Amino acid sequence: MPKTLAIQLFISFLVGGGFVTLLSFLAEKAKENIAGIIMMFPSTVVVGLFFLGVTTSAEQVAGIVPAILIPLGIVILSSVIYSYFARVFKRLTISKLYQVGLTFVCTSIVWFLLAAPFAVWKTDKLLVGLCGYLLLIGLAQVVLNRNTDRQAPARIVYSRLQILFRAVFIGTVIACVVFLGKVLNPFWGGIFVMYPAATLAALMIFHWYYEPEQLLYFFKKAPLGSLSICVYCLSVMFLFPKFGVGLGTGLSLTICMVFSLTLIKLQKIRYGN
């Protein structure tokens, strides 16, 4: 295994096991109007674009950003699809293991059908990518807003073993997807690069502990929150060629953090909390 790939897998595991897990705990404690914004703060995309820049060039990373945006919209739509499949399988089986497993498989199949064309057709037009992304998250937000069958979850106190399991599970899922994206042929590699590993792994954890109706509570503002990932990608597009991969990553993260905190502040002002 190439040294760069081994390092990327290790860091992907740590980011998934640590940072994404931290975001999931923060989202659980947050109000409905900001939980999705917290969950959507960029994590694995930061690692992915950084290592792509290290192994290729800053200019090459900037050039693929337009092609990332529509798949990003599909990721957000997938979180809505997951919630609805979860409700279907709750009615079909009482086993929580089967509910989570079947929901994951069916969501992944739908995601593949939506994402596969973009593994072949990669637009280099920023306007096309942005319009496609905004259309998809707009659709996801409309569906979420129309659904009033949401339940506020009771707060759960986790044991240390449960916290460790969450971190290991999310980190392992992300690392496996990164590995498959690197070693498979170009078509399947392109598919797995776009796969929403962090989002679906977090959804599976939430699904295990909560009812399907409560998943919508955590992801009601996920489409809005995904704007922070879009802002990060756009920042990378403009800053990587000018400042390089390292400094460009730091500056893009700073811009993204300010944007996310502004979104949270605006939501608190709007809802009065």
C-alpha atoms as a PDB file:
ATOM      1  CA  MET A   1       0.000   0.000   0.000  1.00  0.00           C
ATOM      2  CA  PRO A   2       1.449   3.417  -0.968  1.00  0.00           C
ATOM      3  CA  LYS A   3       2.564   5.492   2.007  1.00  0.00           C
ATOM      4  CA  THR A   4       0.344   8.449   1.034  1.00  0.00           C
ATOM      5  CA  LEU A   5      -2.734   6.200   0.898  1.00  0.00           C
ATOM      6  CA  ALA A   6      -1.920   4.672   4.289  1.00  0.00           C
ATOM      7  CA  ILE A   7      -1.623   8.152   5.816  1.00  0.00           C
ATOM      8  CA  GLN A   8      -4.901   9.252   4.185  1.00  0.00           C
ATOM      9  CA  LEU A   9      -6.703   6.166   5.514  1.00  0.00           C
ATOM     10  CA  PHE A  10      -5.357   6.783   9.008  1.00  0.00           C
ATOM     11  CA  ILE A  11      -6.349  10.449   8.988  1.00  0.00           C
ATOM     12  CA  SER A  12      -9.760   9.601   7.478  1.00  0.00           C
ATOM     13  CA  PHE A  13     -10.306   7.140  10.312  1.00  0.00           C
ATOM     14  CA  LEU A  14      -9.318   9.746  12.894  1.00  0.00           C
ATOM     15  CA  VAL A  15     -11.484  12.455  11.314  1.00  0.00           C
ATOM     16  CA  GLY A  16     -14.439  10.092  11.112  1.00  0.00           C
ATOM     17  CA  GLY A  17     -13.860   8.571  14.496  1.00  0.00           C
ATOM     18  CA  GLY A  18     -13.174  11.878  16.182  1.00  0.00           C
ATOM     19  CA  PHE A  19     -14.511  14.959  14.470  1.00  0.00           C
ATOM     20  CA  VAL A  20     -17.646  13.503  12.852  1.00  0.00           C
ATOM     21  CA  THR A  21     -18.495  11.764  16.128  1.00  0.00           C
ATOM     22  CA  LEU A  22     -18.064  15.065  17.975  1.00  0.00           C
ATOM     23  CA  LEU A  23     -20.373  16.790  15.479  1.00  0.00           C
ATOM     24  CA  SER A  24     -22.994  14.078  15.991  1.00  0.00           C
ATOM     25  CA  PHE A  25     -22.945  14.555  19.772  1.00  0.00           C
ATOM     26  CA  LEU A  26     -23.193  18.338  19.404  1.00  0.00           C
ATOM     27  CA  ALA A  27     -26.129  17.899  17.007  1.00  0.00           C
ATOM     28  CA  GLU A  28     -27.910  15.657  19.512  1.00  0.00           C
ATOM     29  CA  LYS A  29     -27.736  18.384  22.137  1.00  0.00           C
ATOM     30  CA  ALA A  30     -28.713  21.195  19.751  1.00  0.00           C
ATOM     31  CA  LYS A  31     -32.104  22.637  18.862  1.00  0.00           C
ATOM     32  CA  GLU A  32     -33.878  21.402  15.722  1.00  0.00           C
ATOM     33  CA  ASN A  33     -33.123  24.614  13.835  1.00  0.00           C
ATOM     34  CA  ILE A  34     -29.325  24.252  14.161  1.00  0.00           C
ATOM     35  CA  ALA A  35     -28.683  20.497  14.528  1.00  0.00           C
ATOM     36  CA  GLY A  36     -28.476  19.958  10.770  1.00  0.00           C
ATOM     37  CA  ILE A  37     -26.114  22.910  10.353  1.00  0.00           C
ATOM     38  CA  ILE A  38     -23.738  21.374  12.895  1.00  0.00           C
ATOM     39  CA  MET A  39     -23.887  17.952  11.239  1.00  0.00           C
ATOM     40  CA  MET A  40     -23.070  19.394   7.832  1.00  0.00           C
ATOM     41  CA  PHE A  41     -19.842  21.138   8.827  1.00  0.00           C
ATOM     42  CA  PRO A  42     -17.232  19.836   6.328  1.00  0.00           C
ATOM     43  CA  SER A  43     -15.055  17.018   7.575  1.00  0.00           C
ATOM     44  CA  THR A  44     -14.170  14.242   5.142  1.00  0.00           C
ATOM     45  CA  VAL A  45     -14.274  16.597   2.156  1.00  0.00           C
ATOM     46  CA  VAL A  46     -11.476  18.588   3.811  1.00  0.00           C
ATOM     47  CA  VAL A  47      -9.276  15.500   4.063  1.00  0.00           C
ATOM     48  CA  GLY A  48     -10.177  14.334   0.568  1.00  0.00           C
ATOM     49  CA  LEU A  49      -9.407  17.620  -1.181  1.00  0.00           C
ATOM     50  CA  PHE A  50      -6.234  18.129   0.860  1.00  0.00           C
ATOM     51  CA  PHE A  51      -4.753  14.769  -0.129  1.00  0.00           C
ATOM     52  CA  LEU A  52      -5.901  15.189  -3.706  1.00  0.00           C
ATOM     53  CA  GLY A  53      -3.959  18.435  -3.753  1.00  0.00           C
ATOM     54  CA  VAL A  54      -0.900  16.762  -2.228  1.00  0.00           C
ATOM     55  CA  THR A  55      -0.896  13.909  -4.757  1.00  0.00           C
ATOM     56  CA  THR A  56      -1.815  16.023  -7.818  1.00  0.00           C
ATOM     57  CA  SER A  57      -1.741  19.822  -7.691  1.00  0.00           C
ATOM     58  CA  ALA A  58      -3.645  22.746  -6.208  1.00  0.00           C
ATOM     59  CA  GLU A  59      -4.774  23.766  -9.698  1.00  0.00           C
ATOM     60  CA  GLN A  60      -6.173  20.301 -10.406  1.00  0.00           C
ATOM     61  CA  VAL A  61      -8.218  20.354  -7.194  1.00  0.00           C
ATOM     62  CA  ALA A  62      -9.597  23.778  -8.088  1.00  0.00           C
ATOM     63  CA  GLY A  63     -10.607  22.432 -11.476  1.00  0.00           C
ATOM     64  CA  ILE A  64     -12.748  19.579 -10.103  1.00  0.00           C
ATOM     65  CA  VAL A  65     -14.808  21.704  -7.687  1.00  0.00           C
ATOM     66  CA  PRO A  66     -17.631  22.368 -10.205  1.00  0.00           C
ATOM     67  CA  ALA A  67     -18.018  18.584 -10.601  1.00  0.00           C
ATOM     68  CA  ILE A  68     -18.361  18.123  -6.812  1.00  0.00           C
ATOM     69  CA  LEU A  69     -21.369  20.374  -6.320  1.00  0.00           C
ATOM     70  CA  ILE A  70     -24.181  18.301  -7.863  1.00  0.00           C
ATOM     71  CA  PRO A  71     -23.041  15.120  -6.040  1.00  0.00           C
ATOM     72  CA  LEU A  72     -23.061  17.222  -2.849  1.00  0.00           C
ATOM     73  CA  GLY A  73     -26.720  18.000  -3.482  1.00  0.00           C
ATOM     74  CA  ILE A  74     -27.379  14.277  -3.971  1.00  0.00           C
ATOM     75  CA  VAL A  75     -25.753  13.599  -0.586  1.00  0.00           C
ATOM     76  CA  ILE A  76     -28.215  15.962   1.101  1.00  0.00           C
ATOM     77  CA  LEU A  77     -31.142  14.421  -0.745  1.00  0.00           C
ATOM     78  CA  SER A  78     -29.903  10.998   0.406  1.00  0.00           C
ATOM     79  CA  SER A  79     -30.272  12.002   4.068  1.00  0.00           C
ATOM     80  CA  VAL A  80     -33.953  12.733   3.396  1.00  0.00           C
ATOM     81  CA  ILE A  81     -34.346   9.446   1.513  1.00  0.00           C
ATOM     82  CA  TYR A  82     -32.753   7.581   4.424  1.00  0.00           C
ATOM     83  CA  SER A  83     -35.302   9.014   6.862  1.00  0.00           C
ATOM     84  CA  TYR A  84     -38.212   7.858   4.709  1.00  0.00           C
ATOM     85  CA  PHE A  85     -36.836   4.354   4.151  1.00  0.00           C
ATOM     86  CA  ALA A  86     -36.336   4.106   7.927  1.00  0.00           C
ATOM     87  CA  ARG A  87     -40.042   4.722   8.464  1.00  0.00           C
ATOM     88  CA  VAL A  88     -40.974   2.106   5.853  1.00  0.00           C
ATOM     89  CA  PHE A  89     -38.844  -0.628   7.398  1.00  0.00           C
ATOM     90  CA  LYS A  90     -40.036   0.195  10.894  1.00  0.00           C
ATOM     91  CA  ARG A  91     -43.469  -0.987   9.745  1.00  0.00           C
ATOM     92  CA  LEU A  92     -42.069  -4.135   8.123  1.00  0.00           C
ATOM     93  CA  THR A  93     -39.797  -5.501  10.866  1.00  0.00           C
ATOM     94  CA  ILE A  94     -39.388  -5.083  14.618  1.00  0.00           C
ATOM     95  CA  SER A  95     -35.654  -5.851  14.504  1.00  0.00           C
ATOM     96  CA  LYS A  96     -33.658  -2.638  14.816  1.00  0.00           C
ATOM     97  CA  LEU A  97     -30.663  -4.333  13.214  1.00  0.00           C
ATOM     98  CA  TYR A  98     -32.701  -5.204  10.119  1.00  0.00           C
ATOM     99  CA  GLN A  99     -34.262  -1.730  10.058  1.00  0.00           C
ATOM    100  CA  VAL A 100     -30.866  -0.004  10.052  1.00  0.00           C
ATOM    101  CA  GLY A 101     -29.289  -2.478   7.614  1.00  0.00           C
ATOM    102  CA  LEU A 102     -32.130  -2.455   5.088  1.00  0.00           C
ATOM    103  CA  THR A 103     -32.476   1.323   5.254  1.00  0.00           C
ATOM    104  CA  PHE A 104     -28.752   1.717   4.624  1.00  0.00           C
ATOM    105  CA  VAL A 105     -28.768  -0.687   1.666  1.00  0.00           C
ATOM    106  CA  CYS A 106     -31.844   0.831   0.006  1.00  0.00           C
ATOM    107  CA  THR A 107     -30.590   4.392   0.487  1.00  0.00           C
ATOM    108  CA  SER A 108     -27.222   3.410  -0.993  1.00  0.00           C
ATOM    109  CA  ILE A 109     -28.938   1.875  -4.035  1.00  0.00           C
ATOM    110  CA  VAL A 110     -31.000   5.020  -4.645  1.00  0.00           C
ATOM    111  CA  TRP A 111     -27.921   7.166  -4.101  1.00  0.00           C
ATOM    112  CA  PHE A 112     -25.989   5.059  -6.650  1.00  0.00           C
ATOM    113  CA  LEU A 113     -28.730   5.422  -9.263  1.00  0.00           C
ATOM    114  CA  LEU A 114     -28.702   9.198  -8.794  1.00  0.00           C
ATOM    115  CA  ALA A 115     -24.918   9.613  -8.570  1.00  0.00           C
ATOM    116  CA  ALA A 116     -23.683   7.136 -11.212  1.00  0.00           C
ATOM    117  CA  PRO A 117     -24.224   9.482 -14.187  1.00  0.00           C
ATOM    118  CA  PHE A 118     -22.001  12.088 -12.512  1.00  0.00           C
ATOM    119  CA  ALA A 119     -19.151   9.596 -12.138  1.00  0.00           C
ATOM    120  CA  VAL A 120     -19.063   9.615 -15.944  1.00  0.00           C
ATOM    121  CA  TRP A 121     -20.196  13.166 -16.724  1.00  0.00           C
ATOM    122  CA  LYS A 122     -18.179  15.660 -14.703  1.00  0.00           C
ATOM    123  CA  THR A 123     -19.116  19.221 -15.492  1.00  0.00           C
ATOM    124  CA  ASP A 124     -16.411  21.856 -15.489  1.00  0.00           C
ATOM    125  CA  LYS A 125     -18.969  24.672 -15.505  1.00  0.00           C
ATOM    126  CA  LEU A 126     -19.308  26.319 -12.098  1.00  0.00           C
ATOM    127  CA  LEU A 127     -22.738  27.780 -12.904  1.00  0.00           C
ATOM    128  CA  VAL A 128     -24.078  24.345 -13.915  1.00  0.00           C
ATOM    129  CA  GLY A 129     -22.728  22.754 -10.732  1.00  0.00           C
ATOM    130  CA  LEU A 130     -24.140  25.501  -8.506  1.00  0.00           C
ATOM    131  CA  CYS A 131     -27.569  25.453 -10.138  1.00  0.00           C
ATOM    132  CA  GLY A 132     -27.791  21.668  -9.875  1.00  0.00           C
ATOM    133  CA  TYR A 133     -26.709  21.753  -6.229  1.00  0.00           C
ATOM    134  CA  LEU A 134     -29.164  24.512  -5.276  1.00  0.00           C
ATOM    135  CA  LEU A 135     -32.006  22.712  -7.047  1.00  0.00           C
ATOM    136  CA  LEU A 136     -31.325  19.491  -5.131  1.00  0.00           C
ATOM    137  CA  ILE A 137     -31.000  21.074  -1.683  1.00  0.00           C
ATOM    138  CA  GLY A 138     -34.072  23.203  -2.388  1.00  0.00           C
ATOM    139  CA  LEU A 139     -36.028  20.025  -3.146  1.00  0.00           C
ATOM    140  CA  ALA A 140     -34.708  18.363   0.015  1.00  0.00           C
ATOM    141  CA  GLN A 141     -35.637  21.368   2.160  1.00  0.00           C
ATOM    142  CA  VAL A 142     -39.160  21.537   0.718  1.00  0.00           C
ATOM    143  CA  VAL A 143     -39.718  17.853   1.504  1.00  0.00           C
ATOM    144  CA  LEU A 144     -38.405  18.287   5.050  1.00  0.00           C
ATOM    145  CA  ASN A 145     -40.503  21.392   5.697  1.00  0.00           C
ATOM    146  CA  ARG A 146     -43.665  19.675   4.511  1.00  0.00           C
ATOM    147  CA  ASN A 147     -43.157  16.778   6.874  1.00  0.00           C
ATOM    148  CA  THR A 148     -44.705  17.627  10.221  1.00  0.00           C
ATOM    149  CA  ASP A 149     -44.396  14.111  11.643  1.00  0.00           C
ATOM    150  CA  ARG A 150     -41.199  14.915  13.530  1.00  0.00           C
ATOM    151  CA  GLN A 151     -40.561  14.000  17.143  1.00  0.00           C
ATOM    152  CA  ALA A 152     -38.161  15.776  19.469  1.00  0.00           C
ATOM    153  CA  PRO A 153     -35.821  13.074  20.821  1.00  0.00           C
ATOM    154  CA  ALA A 154     -35.264  12.396  24.497  1.00  0.00           C
ATOM    155  CA  ARG A 155     -31.662  13.019  25.487  1.00  0.00           C
ATOM    156  CA  ILE A 156     -29.562   9.867  25.870  1.00  0.00           C
ATOM    157  CA  VAL A 157     -26.637   9.455  28.260  1.00  0.00           C
ATOM    158  CA  TYR A 158     -24.023   7.238  26.608  1.00  0.00           C
ATOM    159  CA  SER A 159     -21.512   4.958  28.265  1.00  0.00           C
ATOM    160  CA  ARG A 160     -17.828   5.206  27.383  1.00  0.00           C
ATOM    161  CA  LEU A 161     -18.104   1.955  25.442  1.00  0.00           C
ATOM    162  CA  GLN A 162     -20.980   3.356  23.363  1.00  0.00           C
ATOM    163  CA  ILE A 163     -18.985   6.520  22.630  1.00  0.00           C
ATOM    164  CA  LEU A 164     -15.973   4.428  21.594  1.00  0.00           C
ATOM    165  CA  PHE A 165     -18.117   2.212  19.382  1.00  0.00           C
ATOM    166  CA  ARG A 166     -19.604   5.250  17.626  1.00  0.00           C
ATOM    167  CA  ALA A 167     -16.163   6.683  16.924  1.00  0.00           C
ATOM    168  CA  VAL A 168     -14.748   3.388  15.654  1.00  0.00           C
ATOM    169  CA  PHE A 169     -17.809   2.622  13.524  1.00  0.00           C
ATOM    170  CA  ILE A 170     -17.935   6.010  11.789  1.00  0.00           C
ATOM    171  CA  GLY A 171     -14.164   6.091  11.315  1.00  0.00           C
ATOM    172  CA  THR A 172     -14.114   2.570   9.853  1.00  0.00           C
ATOM    173  CA  VAL A 173     -16.925   3.274   7.384  1.00  0.00           C
ATOM    174  CA  ILE A 174     -15.185   6.422   6.130  1.00  0.00           C
ATOM    175  CA  ALA A 175     -11.768   4.745   5.867  1.00  0.00           C
ATOM    176  CA  CYS A 176     -13.236   1.775   3.942  1.00  0.00           C
ATOM    177  CA  VAL A 177     -14.945   4.067   1.436  1.00  0.00           C
ATOM    178  CA  VAL A 178     -11.734   6.090   0.953  1.00  0.00           C
ATOM    179  CA  PHE A 179      -9.810   2.851   0.355  1.00  0.00           C
ATOM    180  CA  LEU A 180     -12.317   1.585  -2.227  1.00  0.00           C
ATOM    181  CA  GLY A 181     -12.265   4.934  -3.985  1.00  0.00           C
ATOM    182  CA  LYS A 182      -8.496   4.645  -4.399  1.00  0.00           C
ATOM    183  CA  VAL A 183      -8.067   0.995  -5.434  1.00  0.00           C
ATOM    184  CA  LEU A 184     -11.042   0.350  -7.748  1.00  0.00           C
ATOM    185  CA  ASN A 185     -11.216   1.108 -11.463  1.00  0.00           C
ATOM    186  CA  PRO A 186     -11.904   4.729 -12.523  1.00  0.00           C
ATOM    187  CA  PHE A 187     -15.709   4.335 -12.742  1.00  0.00           C
ATOM    188  CA  TRP A 188     -16.154   2.685  -9.340  1.00  0.00           C
ATOM    189  CA  GLY A 189     -13.407   4.830  -7.880  1.00  0.00           C
ATOM    190  CA  GLY A 190     -15.343   7.913  -8.972  1.00  0.00           C
ATOM    191  CA  ILE A 191     -18.513   6.503  -7.423  1.00  0.00           C
ATOM    192  CA  PHE A 192     -16.921   5.844  -4.036  1.00  0.00           C
ATOM    193  CA  VAL A 193     -15.187   9.227  -3.974  1.00  0.00           C
ATOM    194  CA  MET A 194     -18.675  10.785  -4.052  1.00  0.00           C
ATOM    195  CA  TYR A 195     -20.211   8.319  -1.557  1.00  0.00           C
ATOM    196  CA  PRO A 196     -21.680  10.077   1.547  1.00  0.00           C
ATOM    197  CA  ALA A 197     -19.814   7.900   4.036  1.00  0.00           C
ATOM    198  CA  ALA A 198     -19.794  10.342   6.957  1.00  0.00           C
ATOM    199  CA  THR A 199     -23.455  11.349   6.535  1.00  0.00           C
ATOM    200  CA  LEU A 200     -24.800   7.809   6.224  1.00  0.00           C
ATOM    201  CA  ALA A 201     -22.604   6.478   9.043  1.00  0.00           C
ATOM    202  CA  ALA A 202     -23.927   9.212  11.368  1.00  0.00           C
ATOM    203  CA  LEU A 203     -27.503   8.512  10.241  1.00  0.00           C
ATOM    204  CA  MET A 204     -27.079   4.818  11.004  1.00  0.00           C
ATOM    205  CA  ILE A 205     -25.879   5.645  14.519  1.00  0.00           C
ATOM    206  CA  PHE A 206     -28.816   7.997  15.109  1.00  0.00           C
ATOM    207  CA  HIS A 207     -31.186   5.391  13.670  1.00  0.00           C
ATOM    208  CA  TRP A 208     -29.888   2.772  16.108  1.00  0.00           C
ATOM    209  CA  TYR A 209     -30.695   4.912  19.141  1.00  0.00           C
ATOM    210  CA  TYR A 210     -33.716   6.879  17.935  1.00  0.00           C
ATOM    211  CA  GLU A 211     -36.990   6.319  16.113  1.00  0.00           C
ATOM    212  CA  PRO A 212     -37.221   7.088  12.360  1.00  0.00           C
ATOM    213  CA  GLU A 213     -39.479  10.105  13.016  1.00  0.00           C
ATOM    214  CA  GLN A 214     -36.745  11.588  15.190  1.00  0.00           C
ATOM    215  CA  LEU A 215     -34.152  11.435  12.411  1.00  0.00           C
ATOM    216  CA  LEU A 216     -35.962  14.275  10.661  1.00  0.00           C
ATOM    217  CA  TYR A 217     -35.429  16.389  13.789  1.00  0.00           C
ATOM    218  CA  PHE A 218     -31.646  16.143  13.437  1.00  0.00           C
ATOM    219  CA  PHE A 219     -31.575  16.752   9.680  1.00  0.00           C
ATOM    220  CA  LYS A 220     -34.326  19.329   9.207  1.00  0.00           C
ATOM    221  CA  LYS A 221     -31.728  22.039   8.489  1.00  0.00           C
ATOM    222  CA  ALA A 222     -29.183  19.781   6.772  1.00  0.00           C
ATOM    223  CA  PRO A 223     -29.865  21.313   3.326  1.00  0.00           C
ATOM    224  CA  LEU A 224     -29.221  24.784   4.756  1.00  0.00           C
ATOM    225  CA  GLY A 225     -26.196  23.511   6.661  1.00  0.00           C
ATOM    226  CA  SER A 226     -24.727  21.985   3.508  1.00  0.00           C
ATOM    227  CA  LEU A 227     -24.115  25.523   2.263  1.00  0.00           C
ATOM    228  CA  SER A 228     -21.048  25.509   4.536  1.00  0.00           C
ATOM    229  CA  ILE A 229     -19.618  22.569   2.550  1.00  0.00           C
ATOM    230  CA  CYS A 230     -20.382  24.441  -0.668  1.00  0.00           C
ATOM    231  CA  VAL A 231     -18.644  27.538   0.699  1.00  0.00           C
ATOM    232  CA  TYR A 232     -15.621  25.416   1.642  1.00  0.00           C
ATOM    233  CA  CYS A 233     -15.416  23.907  -1.851  1.00  0.00           C
ATOM    234  CA  LEU A 234     -15.716  27.314  -3.514  1.00  0.00           C
ATOM    235  CA  SER A 235     -13.051  28.703  -1.194  1.00  0.00           C
ATOM    236  CA  VAL A 236     -10.759  25.833  -2.181  1.00  0.00           C
ATOM    237  CA  MET A 237     -11.417  26.561  -5.847  1.00  0.00           C
ATOM    238  CA  PHE A 238     -10.203  30.144  -5.523  1.00  0.00           C
ATOM    239  CA  LEU A 239      -7.603  29.852  -2.735  1.00  0.00           C
ATOM    240  CA  PHE A 240      -5.704  26.634  -3.521  1.00  0.00           C
ATOM    241  CA  PRO A 241      -4.149  27.943  -6.772  1.00  0.00           C
ATOM    242  CA  LYS A 242      -3.170  31.221  -5.076  1.00  0.00           C
ATOM    243  CA  PHE A 243      -1.951  30.050  -1.640  1.00  0.00           C
ATOM    244  CA  GLY A 244      -1.192  26.356  -2.086  1.00  0.00           C
ATOM    245  CA  VAL A 245      -2.757  23.275  -0.498  1.00  0.00           C
ATOM    246  CA  GLY A 246      -1.702  23.810   3.131  1.00  0.00           C
ATOM    247  CA  LEU A 247      -2.465  27.503   3.598  1.00  0.00           C
ATOM    248  CA  GLY A 248      -5.426  27.218   1.230  1.00  0.00           C
ATOM    249  CA  THR A 249      -6.959  24.517   3.437  1.00  0.00           C
ATOM    250  CA  GLY A 250      -6.497  26.637   6.562  1.00  0.00           C
ATOM    251  CA  LEU A 251      -7.998  29.748   4.975  1.00  0.00           C
ATOM    252  CA  SER A 252     -10.914  27.793   3.467  1.00  0.00           C
ATOM    253  CA  LEU A 253     -11.686  26.223   6.854  1.00  0.00           C
ATOM    254  CA  THR A 254     -11.624  29.639   8.502  1.00  0.00           C
ATOM    255  CA  ILE A 255     -14.072  31.050   5.955  1.00  0.00           C
ATOM    256  CA  CYS A 256     -16.282  27.995   6.363  1.00  0.00           C
ATOM    257  CA  MET A 257     -16.250  28.260  10.158  1.00  0.00           C
ATOM    258  CA  VAL A 258     -17.264  31.934  10.045  1.00  0.00           C
ATOM    259  CA  PHE A 259     -20.041  31.087   7.578  1.00  0.00           C
ATOM    260  CA  SER A 260     -21.367  28.198   9.699  1.00  0.00           C
ATOM    261  CA  LEU A 261     -21.357  30.273  12.884  1.00  0.00           C
ATOM    262  CA  THR A 262     -23.197  33.043  11.033  1.00  0.00           C
ATOM    263  CA  LEU A 263     -25.845  30.545   9.886  1.00  0.00           C
ATOM    264  CA  ILE A 264     -26.280  29.305  13.446  1.00  0.00           C
ATOM    265  CA  LYS A 265     -26.530  32.851  14.771  1.00  0.00           C
ATOM    266  CA  LEU A 266     -29.157  33.769  12.173  1.00  0.00           C
ATOM    267  CA  GLN A 267     -31.185  30.658  13.019  1.00  0.00           C
ATOM    268  CA  LYS A 268     -31.073  31.499  16.731  1.00  0.00           C
ATOM    269  CA  ILE A 269     -32.241  35.043  16.013  1.00  0.00           C
ATOM    270  CA  ARG A 270     -35.027  33.773  13.750  1.00  0.00           C
ATOM    271  CA  TYR A 271     -36.329  31.176  16.208  1.00  0.00           C
ATOM    272  CA  GLY A 272     -35.514  33.101  19.361  1.00  0.00           C
ATOM    273  CA  ASN A 273     -33.189  30.625  21.064  1.00  0.00           C
END
